[in-house]
Every structure is written in C-alpha cells, then in structure tokens.
Protein backbone atom coordinates (compact mmCIF):
# COMPACT_ATOMS: atom_id res chain seq x y z
CA UNK A 1 -9.48 72.88 -38.27
CA UNK A 2 -13.21 73.25 -40.57
CA UNK A 3 -12.68 73.12 -43.74
CA UNK A 4 -16.31 74.64 -44.62
CA UNK A 5 -16.93 76.86 -47.62
CA UNK A 6 -18.91 78.54 -49.77
CA UNK A 7 -20.07 77.50 -53.38
CA UNK A 8 -22.44 78.54 -56.04
CA UNK A 9 -25.58 76.15 -57.16
CA UNK A 10 -26.22 76.44 -61.26
CA UNK A 11 -27.80 74.74 -62.96
CA UNK A 12 -27.51 71.25 -63.63
CA UNK A 13 -26.64 68.69 -66.57
CA UNK A 14 -26.71 64.51 -66.69
CA UNK A 15 -23.11 62.96 -68.39
CA UNK A 16 -24.36 59.45 -69.36
CA UNK A 17 -21.17 57.24 -70.60
CA UNK A 18 -22.33 54.38 -73.20
CA UNK A 19 -20.28 50.88 -73.55
CA UNK A 20 -21.20 49.98 -69.41
CA UNK A 21 -21.86 46.97 -68.50
CA UNK A 22 -22.85 45.05 -65.02
CA UNK A 23 -20.98 43.09 -62.95
CA UNK A 24 -22.58 40.22 -61.50
CA UNK A 25 -23.87 40.90 -58.32
CA UNK A 26 -22.00 40.32 -55.15
CA UNK A 27 -24.20 39.00 -51.85
CA UNK A 28 -24.24 41.32 -49.32
CA UNK A 29 -22.72 41.30 -45.85
CA UNK A 30 -26.17 40.36 -43.41
CA UNK A 31 -26.41 41.47 -39.59
CA UNK A 32 -23.09 43.24 -39.43
CA UNK A 33 -22.62 46.92 -39.32
CA UNK A 34 -18.91 47.16 -42.16
CA UNK A 35 -18.20 51.15 -42.49
CA UNK A 36 -20.50 54.42 -42.61
CA UNK A 37 -24.07 53.89 -42.09
CA UNK A 38 -23.97 50.47 -41.46
CA UNK A 39 -23.25 48.86 -45.17
CA UNK A 40 -21.93 49.75 -48.67
CA UNK A 41 -25.14 51.52 -49.50
CA UNK A 42 -24.91 53.85 -46.41
CA UNK A 43 -28.78 53.00 -46.19
CA UNK A 44 -29.06 52.26 -42.68
CA UNK A 45 -30.64 49.51 -42.88
CA UNK A 46 -29.66 46.36 -40.35
CA UNK A 47 -31.27 42.84 -41.11
CA UNK A 48 -31.18 39.90 -38.34
CA UNK A 49 -28.41 42.07 -36.42
CA UNK A 50 -29.79 39.70 -34.21
CA UNK A 51 -30.79 42.52 -32.29
CA UNK A 52 -33.86 42.17 -30.54
CA UNK A 53 -37.37 44.13 -30.67
CA UNK A 54 -36.34 47.23 -27.58
CA UNK A 55 -36.31 47.48 -24.81
CA UNK A 56 -33.07 47.37 -24.75
CA UNK A 57 -30.71 47.34 -21.44
CA UNK A 58 -27.37 48.94 -21.03
CA UNK A 59 -24.87 46.25 -21.42
CA UNK A 60 -21.55 48.10 -21.14
CA UNK A 61 -19.61 51.34 -21.79
CA UNK A 62 -16.24 52.59 -22.48
CA UNK A 63 -14.93 56.03 -21.72
CA UNK A 64 -11.65 56.91 -24.56
CA UNK A 65 -10.78 60.29 -23.88
CA UNK A 66 -11.55 61.65 -26.82
CA UNK A 67 -14.22 61.42 -29.26
CA UNK A 68 -15.29 58.51 -31.21
CA UNK A 69 -15.83 57.51 -35.03
CA UNK A 70 -19.68 55.56 -35.41
CA UNK A 71 -18.41 52.06 -35.00
CA UNK A 72 -17.84 48.61 -37.03
CA UNK A 73 -20.10 45.40 -35.59
CA UNK A 74 -18.71 41.99 -37.26
CA UNK A 75 -16.97 38.90 -36.15
CA UNK A 76 -18.45 39.59 -32.48
CA UNK A 77 -16.25 42.74 -32.20
CA UNK A 78 -17.36 46.36 -32.10
CA UNK A 79 -14.43 48.31 -33.53
CA UNK A 80 -14.28 52.23 -33.48
CA UNK A 81 -11.43 55.19 -33.60
CA UNK A 82 -11.12 58.53 -31.63
CA UNK A 83 -9.35 61.27 -30.87
CA UNK A 84 -6.25 61.33 -29.38
CA UNK A 85 -6.48 63.25 -26.52
CA UNK A 86 -3.04 64.30 -26.54
CA UNK A 87 -2.61 66.03 -29.99
CA UNK A 88 -2.75 65.27 -33.71
CA UNK A 89 -3.75 61.56 -34.68
CA UNK A 90 -6.19 58.47 -33.78
CA UNK A 91 -6.74 55.46 -32.24
CA UNK A 92 -8.23 52.77 -33.22
CA UNK A 93 -9.57 50.52 -30.60
CA UNK A 94 -11.17 46.70 -31.09
CA UNK A 95 -13.21 45.54 -27.97
CA UNK A 96 -15.46 42.27 -27.44
CA UNK A 97 -18.76 42.25 -28.33
CA UNK A 98 -19.91 40.84 -25.34
CA UNK A 99 -18.15 42.18 -22.40
CA UNK A 100 -16.58 45.69 -24.05
CA UNK A 101 -13.38 44.17 -23.11
CA UNK A 102 -10.51 45.10 -25.00
CA UNK A 103 -9.62 42.35 -27.94
CA UNK A 104 -6.86 43.44 -28.25
CA UNK A 105 -4.34 46.43 -27.79
CA UNK A 106 -5.32 50.03 -28.76
CA UNK A 107 -3.30 50.89 -32.15
CA UNK A 108 -2.46 54.37 -32.80
CA UNK A 109 -3.28 54.99 -36.37
CA UNK A 110 -1.40 58.53 -36.80
CA UNK A 111 -2.27 61.57 -38.87
CA UNK A 112 -2.52 65.21 -39.50
CA UNK A 113 -6.20 66.58 -37.23
CA UNK A 114 -8.77 64.32 -35.43
CA UNK A 115 -9.72 62.86 -38.92
CA UNK A 116 -10.18 58.67 -39.05
CA UNK A 117 -12.68 55.81 -40.90
CA UNK A 118 -13.02 52.13 -40.72
CA UNK A 119 -14.87 49.67 -43.08
CA UNK A 120 -14.65 45.52 -42.51
CA UNK A 121 -14.54 43.37 -45.58
CA UNK A 122 -12.74 40.06 -46.87
CA UNK A 123 -12.06 38.88 -43.70
CA UNK A 124 -9.96 42.34 -42.65
CA UNK A 125 -10.81 45.84 -40.69
CA UNK A 126 -9.60 48.77 -42.73
CA UNK A 127 -8.23 51.83 -41.16
CA UNK A 128 -8.09 55.99 -43.37
CA UNK A 129 -6.29 58.47 -41.52
CA UNK A 130 -6.59 61.95 -42.76
CA UNK A 131 -3.55 61.83 -44.40
CA UNK A 132 -4.72 59.15 -46.78
CA UNK A 133 -2.62 55.78 -45.15
CA UNK A 134 -4.92 53.13 -45.38
CA UNK A 135 -3.91 50.38 -43.36
CA UNK A 136 -5.50 46.62 -43.39
CA UNK A 137 -5.29 45.11 -40.16
CA UNK A 138 -6.42 41.01 -38.71
CA UNK A 139 -9.57 41.97 -37.00
CA UNK A 140 -8.57 38.98 -34.37
CA UNK A 141 -6.22 40.11 -33.44
CA UNK A 142 -4.98 43.61 -35.01
CA UNK A 143 -1.67 42.27 -36.35
CA UNK A 144 -1.29 44.76 -39.54
CA UNK A 145 -1.43 42.92 -42.65
CA UNK A 146 -0.96 46.48 -44.92
CA UNK A 147 -0.47 49.31 -45.28
CA UNK A 148 -0.27 52.22 -48.18
CA UNK A 149 -0.35 55.55 -48.90
CA UNK A 150 -3.29 57.27 -51.17
CA UNK A 151 -1.07 58.79 -54.01
CA UNK A 152 -1.41 62.31 -55.64
CA UNK A 153 -3.63 64.20 -52.42
CA UNK A 154 -3.34 64.97 -49.45
CA UNK A 155 -6.91 65.76 -48.15
CA UNK A 156 -8.59 62.48 -47.03
CA UNK A 157 -11.84 63.50 -45.22
CA UNK A 158 -14.03 59.98 -47.00
CA UNK A 159 -14.30 57.00 -45.11
CA UNK A 160 -13.48 53.79 -46.84
CA UNK A 161 -16.57 51.27 -48.29
CA UNK A 162 -15.58 47.69 -48.90
CA UNK A 163 -17.70 45.57 -51.44
CA UNK A 164 -16.17 42.63 -53.97
CA UNK A 165 -12.36 42.59 -52.24
CA UNK A 166 -12.09 45.90 -53.18
CA UNK A 167 -12.06 49.24 -50.76
CA UNK A 168 -13.08 52.61 -52.10
CA UNK A 169 -12.19 56.33 -51.12
CA UNK A 170 -11.47 59.05 -52.07
CA UNK A 171 -9.37 62.35 -51.27
CA UNK A 172 -8.74 65.90 -52.40
CA UNK A 173 -6.40 68.53 -52.00
CA UNK A 174 -5.69 69.33 -55.89
CA UNK A 175 -8.89 68.73 -57.21
CA UNK A 176 -9.81 65.11 -56.19
CA UNK A 177 -9.54 61.20 -56.81
CA UNK A 178 -11.65 58.38 -56.28
CA UNK A 179 -9.41 55.36 -55.58
CA UNK A 180 -10.08 51.36 -55.77
CA UNK A 181 -8.03 49.53 -53.76
CA UNK A 182 -7.08 46.00 -53.43
CA UNK A 183 -8.56 44.79 -50.62
CA UNK A 184 -5.98 41.50 -50.23
CA UNK A 185 -3.02 43.95 -50.64
CA UNK A 186 -3.27 47.57 -50.54
CA UNK A 187 -2.46 47.95 -53.98
CA UNK A 188 -4.60 51.07 -56.16
CA UNK A 189 -6.32 49.02 -59.32
CA UNK A 190 -7.63 51.96 -60.73
CA UNK A 191 -8.15 55.97 -59.90
CA UNK A 192 -11.20 58.37 -61.64
CA UNK A 193 -10.44 62.22 -61.31
CA UNK A 194 -13.93 63.82 -59.45
CA UNK A 195 -14.58 67.77 -58.30
CA UNK A 196 -13.17 67.54 -55.23
CA UNK A 197 -12.94 64.39 -53.49
CA UNK A 198 -13.86 65.70 -49.88
CA UNK A 199 -16.82 63.78 -47.25
CA UNK A 200 -18.21 61.82 -49.50
CA UNK A 201 -18.02 57.78 -48.92
CA UNK A 202 -18.31 56.25 -51.75
CA UNK A 203 -21.55 54.25 -51.88
CA UNK A 204 -20.74 51.14 -53.78
CA UNK A 205 -23.27 48.24 -55.38
CA UNK A 206 -22.48 45.39 -57.97
CA UNK A 207 -23.53 47.52 -60.62
CA UNK A 208 -21.47 51.26 -59.49
CA UNK A 209 -19.42 53.66 -57.10
CA UNK A 210 -21.62 56.20 -56.46
CA UNK A 211 -20.01 59.65 -54.73
CA UNK A 212 -21.35 63.25 -54.73
CA UNK A 213 -19.29 66.45 -53.77
CA UNK A 214 -20.65 70.22 -53.38
CA UNK A 215 -22.54 71.72 -56.25
CA UNK A 216 -24.41 68.15 -56.90
CA UNK A 217 -21.53 67.45 -58.62
CA UNK A 218 -22.56 63.30 -58.61
CA UNK A 219 -20.74 60.34 -60.43
CA UNK A 220 -20.88 57.23 -61.56
CA UNK A 221 -18.12 54.46 -62.18
CA UNK A 222 -18.15 50.93 -63.22
CA UNK A 223 -17.00 49.32 -59.63
CA UNK A 224 -14.50 46.46 -61.20
CA UNK A 225 -11.82 49.24 -63.78
CA UNK A 226 -13.43 52.17 -62.70
CA UNK A 227 -15.50 53.28 -66.47
CA UNK A 228 -17.09 56.57 -65.92
CA UNK A 229 -21.24 55.61 -66.49
CA UNK A 230 -22.26 59.18 -65.50
CA UNK A 231 -21.83 62.54 -63.84
CA UNK A 232 -23.70 65.15 -63.68
CA UNK A 233 -22.40 68.40 -63.22
CA UNK A 234 -23.47 71.89 -62.33
CA UNK A 235 -21.98 73.86 -63.67
CA UNK A 236 -19.56 74.74 -60.93
CA UNK A 237 -17.61 73.01 -58.31
CA UNK A 238 -16.45 73.45 -54.34
CA UNK A 239 -14.96 72.00 -51.73
CA UNK A 240 -17.08 69.74 -49.67
CA UNK A 241 -19.07 67.01 -49.79
CA UNK A 242 -21.61 64.40 -48.22
CA UNK A 243 -22.08 60.69 -48.14
CA UNK A 244 -24.47 59.44 -50.87
CA UNK A 245 -27.45 57.11 -49.73
CA UNK A 246 -27.90 54.34 -51.78
CA UNK A 247 -31.92 53.41 -51.61
CA UNK A 248 -34.87 52.03 -53.72
CA UNK A 249 -33.29 52.81 -57.29
CA UNK A 250 -32.71 55.69 -56.40
CA UNK A 251 -29.06 58.33 -55.23
CA UNK A 252 -30.03 59.91 -52.13
CA UNK A 253 -27.85 63.46 -52.26
CA UNK A 254 -27.29 66.51 -49.92
CA UNK A 255 -25.58 69.49 -50.40
CA UNK A 256 -24.34 72.47 -47.42
CA UNK A 257 -25.62 75.37 -49.62
CA UNK A 258 -29.21 73.71 -50.92
CA UNK A 259 -32.29 73.24 -48.91
CA UNK A 260 -33.39 71.38 -51.66
CA UNK A 261 -31.77 67.34 -51.57
CA UNK A 262 -32.10 65.76 -54.41
CA UNK A 263 -32.41 62.23 -55.83
CA UNK A 264 -31.18 60.79 -58.36
CA UNK A 265 -31.23 57.97 -60.97
CA UNK A 266 -29.07 55.38 -60.38
CA UNK A 267 -28.87 54.35 -64.19
CA UNK A 268 -28.60 58.21 -65.60
CA UNK A 269 -28.16 60.58 -62.47
CA UNK A 270 -31.27 62.22 -64.12
CA UNK A 271 -33.59 63.87 -61.30
CA UNK A 272 -35.89 62.08 -59.76
CA UNK A 273 -37.48 64.68 -57.48
CA UNK A 274 -36.55 66.51 -54.51
CA UNK A 275 -37.46 67.08 -51.30
CA UNK A 276 -37.24 69.88 -48.64
CA UNK A 277 -34.55 70.11 -45.43
CA UNK A 278 -33.60 73.20 -43.81
CA UNK A 279 -30.43 73.13 -45.31
CA UNK A 280 -28.12 70.73 -47.55
CA UNK A 281 -25.88 69.43 -44.45
CA UNK A 282 -28.64 67.27 -42.85
CA UNK A 283 -27.51 63.51 -41.74
CA UNK A 284 -27.70 60.96 -44.28
CA UNK A 285 -31.62 59.30 -44.25
CA UNK A 286 -31.85 56.14 -43.65
CA UNK A 287 -34.03 53.80 -45.61
CA UNK A 288 -36.61 50.44 -44.97
CA UNK A 289 -37.89 49.15 -48.31
CA UNK A 290 -40.39 52.33 -49.30
CA UNK A 291 -39.80 54.23 -45.96
CA UNK A 292 -36.93 56.41 -45.63
CA UNK A 293 -36.13 58.00 -42.39
CA UNK A 294 -34.41 62.29 -42.24
CA UNK A 295 -33.57 63.95 -38.82
CA UNK A 296 -34.24 67.81 -39.80
CA UNK A 297 -33.13 70.82 -37.60
CA UNK A 298 -33.76 68.45 -34.56
CA UNK A 299 -37.01 66.21 -35.87
CA UNK A 300 -37.18 63.19 -37.66
CA UNK A 301 -39.37 63.03 -40.68
CA UNK A 302 -40.67 59.46 -42.12
CA UNK A 303 -41.38 60.25 -45.75
CA UNK A 304 -42.02 57.68 -48.86
CA UNK A 305 -38.92 56.78 -50.80
CA UNK A 306 -40.88 57.96 -54.33
CA UNK A 307 -43.57 59.86 -53.26
CA UNK A 308 -41.79 61.46 -50.94
CA UNK A 309 -44.91 62.09 -49.05
CA UNK A 310 -44.70 62.06 -44.62
CA UNK A 311 -47.37 60.51 -42.56
CA UNK A 312 -45.68 61.57 -39.52
CA UNK A 313 -43.16 63.35 -37.60
CA UNK A 314 -41.34 62.87 -34.73
CA UNK A 315 -39.64 65.77 -32.66
CA UNK A 316 -38.43 63.62 -29.57
CA UNK A 317 -36.50 67.03 -27.48
CA UNK A 318 -36.15 69.01 -31.20
CA UNK A 319 -32.87 68.32 -30.71
CA UNK A 320 -32.46 64.95 -32.47
CA UNK A 321 -28.72 64.93 -33.73
CA UNK A 322 -27.58 61.49 -35.23
CA UNK A 323 -28.41 60.14 -38.59
CA UNK A 324 -30.68 57.73 -38.16
CA UNK A 325 -30.46 53.83 -38.65
CA UNK A 326 -32.98 51.06 -39.21
CA UNK A 327 -32.81 47.39 -37.08
CA UNK A 328 -35.80 45.10 -37.63
CA UNK A 329 -37.91 47.68 -38.35
CA UNK A 330 -37.17 50.07 -35.21
CA UNK A 331 -35.95 53.01 -35.97
CA UNK A 332 -32.95 54.53 -33.80
CA UNK A 333 -32.36 58.50 -33.52
CA UNK A 334 -29.67 60.42 -30.99
CA UNK A 335 -29.92 63.80 -29.71
CA UNK A 336 -27.40 66.25 -28.44
CA UNK A 337 -29.09 65.89 -24.79
CA UNK A 338 -27.95 62.30 -24.91
CA UNK A 339 -31.61 61.33 -25.40
CA UNK A 340 -31.86 57.97 -27.24
CA UNK A 341 -34.89 56.58 -28.38
CA UNK A 342 -36.58 53.84 -30.71
CA UNK A 343 -39.76 54.59 -32.53
CA UNK A 344 -42.03 51.58 -35.08
CA UNK A 345 -40.60 51.88 -38.44
CA UNK A 346 -44.37 52.05 -39.61
CA UNK A 347 -46.00 54.26 -37.21
CA UNK A 348 -43.44 56.68 -36.28
CA UNK A 349 -45.03 55.16 -32.97
CA UNK A 350 -41.56 55.30 -29.50
CA UNK A 351 -41.42 52.35 -28.19
CA UNK A 352 -38.25 53.01 -25.85
CA UNK A 353 -36.10 55.68 -24.87
CA UNK A 354 -32.84 55.85 -22.32
CA UNK A 355 -29.99 58.07 -22.00
CA UNK A 356 -26.39 57.66 -22.81
CA UNK A 357 -25.16 59.53 -20.27
CA UNK A 358 -23.81 62.40 -22.18
CA UNK A 359 -24.35 64.16 -25.72
CA UNK A 360 -24.78 62.36 -28.90
CA UNK A 361 -23.14 64.63 -31.65
CA UNK A 362 -24.23 65.31 -35.28
CA UNK A 363 -22.51 63.55 -37.81
CA UNK A 364 -20.35 66.29 -38.67
CA UNK A 365 -19.13 65.98 -42.24
CA UNK A 366 -17.04 69.07 -43.01
CA UNK A 367 -15.41 69.16 -39.77
CA UNK A 368 -11.54 66.90 -39.17
CA UNK A 369 -11.85 67.81 -35.49
CA UNK A 370 -13.63 64.71 -34.12
CA UNK A 371 -13.95 61.29 -36.55
CA UNK A 372 -16.54 60.63 -38.45
CA UNK A 373 -19.72 59.62 -36.00
CA UNK A 374 -22.32 57.54 -36.48
CA UNK A 375 -25.07 54.57 -34.62
CA UNK A 376 -24.29 51.07 -35.40
CA UNK A 377 -25.52 47.39 -34.54
CA UNK A 378 -24.84 44.01 -35.50
CA UNK A 379 -24.43 41.13 -33.10
CA UNK A 380 -27.46 41.29 -30.99
CA UNK A 381 -26.24 44.72 -29.63
CA UNK A 382 -27.34 48.68 -30.75
CA UNK A 383 -23.51 50.72 -29.94
CA UNK A 384 -23.70 54.17 -29.84
CA UNK A 385 -21.19 56.50 -29.71
CA UNK A 386 -21.80 60.18 -27.12
CA UNK A 387 -19.21 62.30 -27.53
CA UNK A 388 -16.14 60.47 -25.63
CA UNK A 389 -17.74 57.33 -24.76
CA UNK A 390 -19.25 54.33 -26.28
CA UNK A 391 -22.16 52.28 -24.57
CA UNK A 392 -23.54 49.00 -26.07
CA UNK A 393 -27.37 47.85 -25.53
CA UNK A 394 -28.81 44.64 -25.65
CA UNK A 395 -30.91 41.40 -24.04
C-alpha cells in the first residue's frame, strides 16, 4: 500500500515560542548505529566504529525471505526487521556481529502491512510496527521487557529515536501526534499535535526534538516536557513527511512536493538556505563536519554545509539509491544495481567497490510495503541490506 499524497506549498512563516531553557547535554552513543541514519541526529556519521579503512571483505550474509530494514549495530549484535514472506507483519532478527549466526530466535512483530523500525539505547532494543505497537527487548536474549500501543492514532511510519532515557516517535491517522515514551517502562511522558505525523523519525539533540512534514511543516519541541520551541508553518498541510537531519547548526528538511529543500536554523526555524534537487524526495543527506553528501537522481554530490557550494560529484553507475553514510572519513553509498562504493570524503575519489549480489533499494519513506531501509556500521562492520539479503563487510 502506498501513501503518496499531493500537497501544495505556500508562503512560510516561523512561530517562535518564548521561555525555552535547554536541558543538560547528554553524551552521544559512539561507534554504533542506533536508529535510522546511524544516530539520534540522523546525520549518517560514525566515528570510532572499529570499521577499518576500505577495502573491506565480505564477512557473512543472510537471506531473510523479505525486504530488510536499516540495521541497528550495537553490543556485538546486528538487529534488523524484515517483511513477513507469508502475510502482513514483520519479523525482528538478531545476529551475532562476528559470525552472522542467530543471537536469538526471530520474533514476530505483527502489524498491518510490512512496515517496522528499530532503535537502541539505555541497554534496550526498541521495535515499532505500523499499528503503533512499540516494544522493548533485552538485546542479549530477545526477551520482551514491555509493549505499549501509542494512543490516538492508527498509522505509524516514523522510526523511533532514543535519547536520554526517552523513545521519541510519531503517528498519524487523525491529524498527527509526536510521542515521548519512557524507555524503561513504555509509559507515554508527553504528546504534541502536529500536521500530520507521517514518515518523520524525530531528530533529537539535548536542546530539541525536530520533526518535518508535508509543505515543510516543521516543529521543534523541548525534549523533557514537550513544550513547543518553534513551528515553521507554510499555510498548508498534507500527508507525508521526511526524516530531518541535524548537522552544523542546521535542520536539513526535504519535501516530496518541492525541488528546493531547505536548511533551517535550529534556534528559531528560520530558513538558512535552500539547495537544488531533482525532487524533494531525495534520500537523507549525511554529514562530516562542514561536508555534506547528497544522493539525487542517481548521483552523489558533496556540498559545503554553509555555502552549499559543491566541490565534487560522483556518478557511479548513475543508479545510486541509498542514503549515504560516513564512517571515519569514508562515504559509503549503494546502487539499485547492487553495487556498493567507498569514497574518500574529502576528494570524492572511489577507493573500493563491490557488488553485494542484490539491488540496494531506495529508502522509500512513503511506502509501507517494506520496512524503511538504509546502511549502517559499528563493531568493525559495514552492514548493507540488499532487497531480501543482509550482508556484512569488515576485516
């Protein structure tokens, strides 16, 4: 089932909220991939992951019988979900990172359609299905610790994000809702209404929880209590959304109805700049300091995060599809043909490539016929979902 909608973009405005005080900063989880696009900021960057410089060797692969999600790589294990091959629902898998063998038996997550997503933090693994059932598991044993259905909505396509003892997610159906859930108990701490709650994994920092929807309707909330900080309103709304990326003081948002994605100031939501794209539904960009990496129309382009000027473009086979990730200065990107590349992030020079054996799908953020997919790394591995197969590379 496809939830593609048409929306009309109008003139934007930013509505700041006074009285916001930032909470204390929390140390980031380092060297692991804990949610979509690696971390709570969704910036696609890993440092100190133990992944050596390419070339890499194929360590193991698993055929899961259905489309494979982005991996979570932490605690010596690799976690993914896959679409059930026999009907609606998805399956949670845990593998030993060193061997690819099952760490524990697969768990059915149930749910309508084939969407699900994962997050990790606080010593727990979190899985959410399309129906809004959010569950916590012991990552060592697979034992379920708690399970809670998010109230008030029925369509859930926003991958969860863990930060500072809280799991953040969103749902849609009647308008939209952002949820903050106690990671230890599953109790909902706070909710906020948004327009319209689809496909935007919350990007979280110590200062804000950021989500972005159709017509560039974008929100910032205070993480602890959910107080609104600012809202970028464009005078229209619609279904659909895109996961925002926090990088270099900006919030990088995308919109399927626009060809000029925006960069917003984190502090007040004002527009810092725009950049050209063939359409606003391009994959999430990745960042390494002031360097940003953008896949658009089958090619990868580097841009400076402040000037937005480009120094190099990599065409590959003109079928580049994945959202890129950056691991210790190397940019990894995959293709619909199954080709995988590693590039020098500073120069764009390709330093390694291989074929994983199956197409590397686009991260379709508006289709619930499969879990949201993407690359990940950690624990000495680069992990690549390729259609129904999960492939791990390392030394």
